[in-house]
Every structure is written in C-alpha cells, then in structure tokens.
Amino acid sequence: MNHPSPHTTHPAAHRPHEQEHVNDHEHEHEHDHEAGDQSEILDLDAEVLAEHIASITAWLPVGTGPSRIVDLGCGTGAGTLALLERFPEAEVTAVDVSDAHLHRLREKAVAAGAADRVRIVRADLDATEWPGLGVPELVWASASLHHMADPGRALRQVHDLLAPGGLFAVVELAGFPRFLPGSAPQDAPGLEERCHAALDRHHAEHVSHRGADWGTELAKAGFTVEGERTVTVDIGPTHTDAVGRYALSSLRRMRTGIASALTAEDLTAFDRLLDSDGPHGIVHHPDLGVRTERTVWAARRT
C-alpha cells in the first residue's frame, strides 16, 4: 500500500526501546481513562482509512527517506505503522499522553514485526518542555494539533526539534465523518446534517483550534510550506464489518456532544441508529458508507 524508500540504517533502529514516562501528572491519568475508550475507534479509523493514510505518506516530499521520525500525538499507531511501512529503514519515536494508546501501539508494532523500530515516549505535548526526542528528519502530527492548548508554541517546538531541512507533516480532519445520505434515516431525514451542525457548535466552544489555517500558522512558526493536499474519502455503500463498527463507535462518541441540542424526536431516531440489535441500527443500514476529508500540509525547516 506504500512505496518504500530505502536509505541508510542506523544502529539505534535495531534496539528495542522501553516505554518512557514523562510529566506523569494526575490529570493525565484521568485523561488516560477516557483514552482507553478511544482506542477502539482509533483502531477502526486506521483500518477503514488505511488506503488514504498510505496515500498521504506516499505523497510526502521527503526525497531520500528519513531515518529518524517522530509521531506527535500518535494515538494507537495508525500513522506510526504507516510511516514504518513507507520508510522501512526508519525508526519512529511515538509520543502520546495516553498509556492505553501506547500499550495498544506496542501490541501492533510487535504483531507487525516492527517493535525494534519503535521508541515509545509518554509525554504531555502541552508541557512547556518536551522530553528528548532526538533530531528527526520527519515529524508527523495527525489530528493532534487542534487538541493542543497552544498550537503555536508546539509548532515552534517542532521547528526547533527538526533537523535542518527536515519536514513537518500536519494532517487534520475536515470534520466528523458522515455515514448516511441526506434522505436517511427514513423516520428523520436530514438527521445527520442536524447532528453535524450541533457538533460544530460544540467544537466551536470546546475545541477552538479545530479548522485553523495551519498553512499560515506553520509560516508564522518559521516553516516554508511546500505543499498542501486534501484527501477525499468516499467509501460505500458497503456492509463490511469494520465500516459498520466504525460508524457505530463514531456515532456513540458523537452523542455525548450533541444530545442536549437535539429535539426529542431526533434524539429518539439517533438512538435507534445506535441500537445494533434493532432493524434500524446503522450497522444494518443499506446506504451505510464513509465520507470525509483530511488535509495534509508539508512544511520544511529551512
């Protein structure tokens, strides 16, 4: 699914790494409990969108393949594993605040036979000081910058972290995925669009950096933006098990942010979609698909 780029192997790439714990604060453990619940949806996202993630890594203007890569906010490892496959001689330092995510990433790396090429670092990327992450030639941040308290500071930290001439790849979501056509469900046509409008209002209040102009922000941090690409995802209709579970898990998470904004009728229709045993459950919907967009910016430290 990728196009490997051979390059010089560094001895460190063949040494197993123990997980490092940094900034072990109480609030991170609370966050980690929620992160354990997120692991399933992150794994499903990686499975359903694997081809699109591979197309992004293949597009990166890297020239000679990097030997040292950092994945910031790595989650359960979708980007880490895609980068390991794209650059088969590279070592990836995977950074996240969640023990649950990092444990799952380690399991995936072992299953892929790549555990000796992954260094796992637990760290809070909102911290003023980051742990030692080496001098990477490529830094990857997928769907993580908009969660940071001060993305501008994080961008400057990445700029200082990168090797001269190194590349920073920023991947951000255009929005929450859509799974149904506008005429669905039959008892509440247009429900998904109304849910998205409610979710957008929720994000505007609680995730203020979602939808930022990252090209402009990268330039402010001293990068030269060399490319920008939007990847359109349009899968389906399909009845694959992974897509059904992805839609169900996504809508369950969506409910938390929108329930109070829906009418009683819409909330009832929404809950019918969440009933995997019922005939109206989204996993049984004949028009089930996945539609979304992801944008990637490739920025150079010059």
Protein backbone atom coordinates (compact mmCIF):
# COMPACT_ATOMS: atom_id res chain seq x y z
CA MET A 1 0.00 0.00 0.00
CA ASN A 2 3.08 2.26 0.26
CA HIS A 3 6.16 2.86 -1.82
CA PRO A 4 9.20 2.13 0.34
CA SER A 5 12.23 4.37 0.12
CA PRO A 6 15.47 2.62 1.16
CA HIS A 7 18.21 4.53 2.95
CA THR A 8 20.98 4.10 5.45
CA THR A 9 20.08 2.12 8.54
CA HIS A 10 21.14 3.45 11.93
CA PRO A 11 22.12 1.00 14.67
CA ALA A 12 19.57 2.54 17.02
CA ALA A 13 16.81 1.35 14.71
CA HIS A 14 17.51 -2.22 15.75
CA ARG A 15 17.48 -1.76 19.50
CA PRO A 16 14.29 -2.42 21.46
CA HIS A 17 13.12 0.55 23.50
CA GLU A 18 11.38 0.61 26.84
CA GLN A 19 8.44 2.95 27.28
CA GLU A 20 9.46 6.27 28.81
CA HIS A 21 7.17 8.12 31.22
CA VAL A 22 7.35 11.90 31.26
CA ASN A 23 5.26 14.52 33.12
CA ASP A 24 3.20 11.92 34.98
CA HIS A 25 0.51 14.23 36.38
CA GLU A 26 -2.77 13.28 37.97
CA HIS A 27 -4.89 14.93 35.25
CA GLU A 28 -3.19 12.79 32.63
CA HIS A 29 -4.37 9.62 34.38
CA GLU A 30 -7.93 10.94 34.23
CA HIS A 31 -7.46 11.64 30.53
CA ASP A 32 -5.99 8.17 30.12
CA HIS A 33 -9.17 6.51 31.37
CA GLU A 34 -11.11 8.21 28.57
CA ALA A 35 -8.32 7.38 26.12
CA GLY A 36 -8.79 3.69 26.80
CA ASP A 37 -12.32 4.07 25.46
CA GLN A 38 -10.98 5.84 22.37
CA SER A 39 -8.64 3.02 21.39
CA GLU A 40 -11.31 1.06 19.54
CA ILE A 41 -12.38 3.95 17.33
CA LEU A 42 -8.76 4.87 16.58
CA ASP A 43 -8.07 1.28 15.54
CA LEU A 44 -11.17 1.23 13.34
CA ASP A 45 -10.24 4.57 11.80
CA ALA A 46 -6.83 3.13 10.92
CA GLU A 47 -8.39 0.01 9.39
CA VAL A 48 -11.13 1.71 7.39
CA LEU A 49 -8.93 4.56 6.13
CA ALA A 50 -5.66 2.64 5.70
CA GLU A 51 -5.52 3.27 1.95
CA HIS A 52 -5.99 7.01 2.42
CA ILE A 53 -3.34 7.25 5.15
CA ALA A 54 -0.94 5.39 2.83
CA SER A 55 -1.65 7.83 0.03
CA ILE A 56 -0.67 10.70 2.33
CA THR A 57 2.63 9.12 3.40
CA ALA A 58 3.40 8.32 -0.25
CA TRP A 59 2.80 11.97 -1.22
CA LEU A 60 5.21 13.48 1.33
CA PRO A 61 8.07 15.37 -0.40
CA VAL A 62 10.85 13.69 1.56
CA GLY A 63 13.44 12.92 -1.14
CA THR A 64 15.83 10.49 0.50
CA GLY A 65 13.88 8.53 3.07
CA PRO A 66 14.24 9.76 6.68
CA SER A 67 15.91 7.50 9.20
CA ARG A 68 14.50 9.25 12.29
CA ILE A 69 10.80 10.09 12.55
CA VAL A 70 8.68 11.46 15.39
CA ASP A 71 4.91 10.86 15.53
CA LEU A 72 3.38 13.51 17.81
CA GLY A 73 0.08 12.50 19.38
CA CYS A 74 0.42 9.03 17.90
CA GLY A 75 -2.78 7.54 19.35
CA THR A 76 -2.88 3.78 18.80
CA GLY A 77 -0.41 3.97 15.94
CA ALA A 78 -2.17 4.46 12.59
CA GLY A 79 0.44 6.99 11.49
CA THR A 80 3.34 5.20 13.16
CA LEU A 81 2.66 1.93 11.35
CA ALA A 82 2.02 3.65 8.01
CA LEU A 83 5.33 5.50 8.35
CA LEU A 84 7.18 2.31 9.29
CA GLU A 85 5.86 0.69 6.12
CA ARG A 86 6.56 3.72 3.94
CA PHE A 87 10.13 4.05 5.27
CA PRO A 88 11.28 0.50 6.05
CA GLU A 89 14.70 1.52 7.39
CA ALA A 90 13.43 4.27 9.70
CA GLU A 91 12.90 4.34 13.44
CA VAL A 92 9.77 6.10 14.72
CA THR A 93 9.53 7.77 18.12
CA ALA A 94 5.83 7.60 19.01
CA VAL A 95 4.65 10.22 21.53
CA ASP A 96 1.31 10.34 23.34
CA VAL A 97 -0.06 11.17 26.78
CA SER A 98 -2.17 8.00 26.98
CA ASP A 99 -0.87 4.77 28.45
CA ALA A 100 -3.80 2.91 26.89
CA HIS A 101 -2.97 4.19 23.41
CA LEU A 102 0.72 3.48 23.76
CA HIS A 103 0.10 -0.03 25.05
CA ARG A 104 -2.07 -0.74 22.03
CA LEU A 105 0.56 0.74 19.70
CA ARG A 106 3.21 -1.51 21.21
CA GLU A 107 0.98 -4.55 20.59
CA LYS A 108 0.52 -3.53 16.96
CA ALA A 109 4.24 -2.96 16.47
CA VAL A 110 5.00 -6.41 17.87
CA ALA A 111 2.37 -8.01 15.63
CA ALA A 112 3.87 -6.22 12.61
CA GLY A 113 7.38 -7.40 13.49
CA ALA A 114 8.49 -3.79 13.94
CA ALA A 115 8.86 -3.46 17.72
CA ASP A 116 12.61 -2.88 17.39
CA ARG A 117 11.95 0.17 15.21
CA VAL A 118 9.56 1.94 17.60
CA ARG A 119 10.55 4.04 20.57
CA ILE A 120 7.58 4.84 22.78
CA VAL A 121 7.53 8.05 24.82
CA ARG A 122 4.71 9.06 27.13
CA ALA A 123 4.56 12.85 27.31
CA ASP A 124 2.13 15.74 27.65
CA LEU A 125 2.61 17.82 24.50
CA ASP A 126 1.01 20.80 26.25
CA ALA A 127 4.01 20.88 28.60
CA THR A 128 6.42 23.79 28.19
CA GLU A 129 9.36 21.40 27.91
CA TRP A 130 9.23 18.23 25.83
CA PRO A 131 11.38 15.17 26.55
CA GLY A 132 14.38 14.41 24.38
CA LEU A 133 13.07 13.21 21.02
CA GLY A 134 16.32 13.20 19.09
CA VAL A 135 16.85 15.15 15.89
CA PRO A 136 14.30 13.77 13.43
CA GLU A 137 14.25 14.37 9.70
CA LEU A 138 10.46 13.97 9.66
CA VAL A 139 7.83 14.90 12.24
CA TRP A 140 4.25 13.71 11.74
CA ALA A 141 1.24 15.14 13.60
CA SER A 142 -2.14 13.71 12.61
CA ALA A 143 -5.33 15.08 14.18
CA SER A 144 -3.34 16.18 17.22
CA LEU A 145 -2.51 19.89 16.81
CA HIS A 146 -6.09 21.11 17.23
CA HIS A 147 -6.23 19.42 20.65
CA MET A 148 -3.23 21.35 21.98
CA ALA A 149 -3.69 24.27 24.35
CA ASP A 150 -1.12 26.39 22.48
CA PRO A 151 -0.55 25.03 18.95
CA GLY A 152 1.66 27.99 18.05
CA ARG A 153 4.13 27.06 20.76
CA ALA A 154 4.01 23.42 19.66
CA LEU A 155 4.79 24.41 16.07
CA ARG A 156 7.81 26.40 17.23
CA GLN A 157 8.96 23.45 19.33
CA VAL A 158 8.72 21.17 16.29
CA HIS A 159 10.68 23.70 14.24
CA ASP A 160 13.50 23.65 16.80
CA LEU A 161 13.31 19.85 17.08
CA LEU A 162 13.67 19.07 13.37
CA ALA A 163 16.98 18.57 11.66
CA PRO A 164 17.85 21.42 9.25
CA GLY A 165 15.97 20.75 6.02
CA GLY A 166 13.62 18.36 7.83
CA LEU A 167 9.93 18.03 7.02
CA PHE A 168 6.89 18.53 9.22
CA ALA A 169 3.70 16.79 8.04
CA VAL A 170 0.48 18.10 9.60
CA VAL A 171 -2.69 16.10 8.94
CA GLU A 172 -6.02 17.49 10.10
CA LEU A 173 -9.63 16.42 9.74
CA ALA A 174 -12.10 18.49 7.75
CA GLY A 175 -14.81 17.36 10.14
CA PHE A 176 -16.60 14.41 11.64
CA PRO A 177 -17.23 11.60 9.12
CA ARG A 178 -20.64 11.23 7.51
CA PHE A 179 -22.18 7.79 7.16
CA LEU A 180 -25.68 8.23 5.69
CA PRO A 181 -27.26 10.01 2.71
CA GLY A 182 -29.32 13.14 3.34
CA SER A 183 -32.61 11.26 2.93
CA ALA A 184 -31.82 8.94 5.82
CA PRO A 185 -32.96 7.70 8.21
CA GLN A 186 -36.49 7.24 6.94
CA ASP A 187 -38.09 8.43 10.19
CA ALA A 188 -35.90 11.57 10.44
CA PRO A 189 -34.49 12.67 7.04
CA GLY A 190 -31.51 15.01 7.33
CA LEU A 191 -30.75 13.86 10.87
CA GLU A 192 -27.03 13.52 10.26
CA GLU A 193 -26.69 17.09 8.97
CA ARG A 194 -28.53 18.43 12.02
CA CYS A 195 -26.20 16.38 14.22
CA HIS A 196 -23.16 17.80 12.43
CA ALA A 197 -24.42 21.35 12.92
CA ALA A 198 -24.83 20.67 16.65
CA LEU A 199 -21.39 19.07 16.81
CA ASP A 200 -19.82 22.05 15.04
CA ARG A 201 -21.29 24.34 17.70
CA HIS A 202 -19.96 22.03 20.41
CA HIS A 203 -16.47 22.05 18.88
CA ALA A 204 -16.54 25.83 18.48
CA GLU A 205 -16.97 26.08 22.25
CA HIS A 206 -14.65 23.29 23.35
CA VAL A 207 -12.09 22.69 20.56
CA SER A 208 -11.23 26.19 19.48
CA HIS A 209 -8.33 25.28 17.19
CA ARG A 210 -10.26 22.85 15.01
CA GLY A 211 -10.35 24.16 11.44
CA ALA A 212 -7.38 26.52 11.92
CA ASP A 213 -5.43 27.75 8.90
CA TRP A 214 -2.42 25.55 9.54
CA GLY A 215 -0.53 26.78 6.48
CA THR A 216 -0.50 30.30 7.91
CA GLU A 217 0.36 29.04 11.39
CA LEU A 218 3.26 26.97 10.03
CA ALA A 219 4.65 30.01 8.23
CA LYS A 220 4.42 32.06 11.44
CA ALA A 221 6.48 29.38 13.20
CA GLY A 222 9.27 29.73 10.62
CA PHE A 223 8.42 26.87 8.25
CA THR A 224 8.29 27.01 4.47
CA VAL A 225 5.08 25.30 3.36
CA GLU A 226 6.00 23.20 0.32
CA GLY A 227 2.67 21.53 -0.33
CA GLU A 228 -0.94 21.15 0.73
CA ARG A 229 -3.25 18.34 -0.29
CA THR A 230 -6.81 17.35 0.59
CA VAL A 231 -7.64 13.65 0.53
CA THR A 232 -11.31 12.90 -0.10
CA VAL A 233 -12.70 9.73 1.45
CA ASP A 234 -15.83 8.23 -0.13
CA ILE A 235 -16.35 4.58 0.80
CA GLY A 236 -19.55 2.70 0.20
CA PRO A 237 -22.31 1.87 0.32
CA THR A 238 -20.74 -1.12 2.00
CA HIS A 239 -21.58 -3.73 4.57
CA THR A 240 -18.06 -4.56 5.73
CA ASP A 241 -17.89 -5.31 9.41
CA ALA A 242 -15.18 -2.70 10.05
CA VAL A 243 -17.17 0.12 8.45
CA GLY A 244 -20.25 -0.80 10.46
CA ARG A 245 -18.32 -0.87 13.73
CA TYR A 246 -16.56 2.38 12.79
CA ALA A 247 -19.88 4.14 12.16
CA LEU A 248 -21.43 2.79 15.35
CA SER A 249 -18.44 3.71 17.52
CA SER A 250 -18.23 7.17 15.92
CA LEU A 251 -21.90 7.96 16.45
CA ARG A 252 -21.73 6.77 20.06
CA ARG A 253 -18.98 9.29 20.70
CA MET A 254 -20.84 11.97 18.77
CA ARG A 255 -23.89 11.60 21.01
CA THR A 256 -22.03 13.00 24.01
CA GLY A 257 -21.55 16.36 22.34
CA ILE A 258 -24.95 16.74 20.68
CA ALA A 259 -27.64 15.08 22.81
CA SER A 260 -28.69 18.28 24.58
CA ALA A 261 -29.01 20.13 21.25
CA LEU A 262 -31.36 17.67 19.53
CA THR A 263 -35.12 17.59 19.66
CA ALA A 264 -36.70 14.65 21.45
CA GLU A 265 -37.74 13.21 18.09
CA ASP A 266 -34.24 13.49 16.62
CA LEU A 267 -32.64 12.02 19.73
CA THR A 268 -35.00 9.05 19.57
CA ALA A 269 -34.15 8.50 15.89
CA PHE A 270 -30.44 8.86 16.69
CA ASP A 271 -30.66 6.27 19.44
CA ARG A 272 -32.34 3.86 17.04
CA LEU A 273 -29.22 4.17 14.86
CA LEU A 274 -27.13 3.19 17.88
CA ASP A 275 -29.15 0.04 18.51
CA SER A 276 -27.00 -2.56 16.78
CA ASP A 277 -29.58 -5.27 17.51
CA GLY A 278 -32.53 -3.32 16.12
CA PRO A 279 -33.60 -3.26 12.47
CA HIS A 280 -32.88 0.49 12.19
CA GLY A 281 -29.35 0.27 13.60
CA ILE A 282 -26.71 1.95 11.48
CA VAL A 283 -24.78 -1.31 11.13
CA HIS A 284 -27.76 -2.69 9.16
CA HIS A 285 -28.39 0.41 7.06
CA PRO A 286 -28.30 -0.39 3.31
CA ASP A 287 -26.80 3.02 2.44
CA LEU A 288 -24.01 2.90 5.01
CA GLY A 289 -20.75 4.45 3.80
CA VAL A 290 -17.95 6.76 4.94
CA ARG A 291 -17.48 10.30 3.63
CA THR A 292 -14.90 12.70 4.99
CA GLU A 293 -11.82 14.74 4.09
CA ARG A 294 -8.33 15.07 5.50
CA THR A 295 -5.89 17.81 4.63
CA VAL A 296 -2.11 17.49 4.88
CA TRP A 297 0.43 20.29 4.92
CA ALA A 298 4.11 19.54 4.18
CA ALA A 299 6.34 22.19 5.76
CA ARG A 300 10.12 22.44 5.61
CA ARG A 301 12.53 23.72 8.21
CA THR A 302 14.91 25.79 6.09
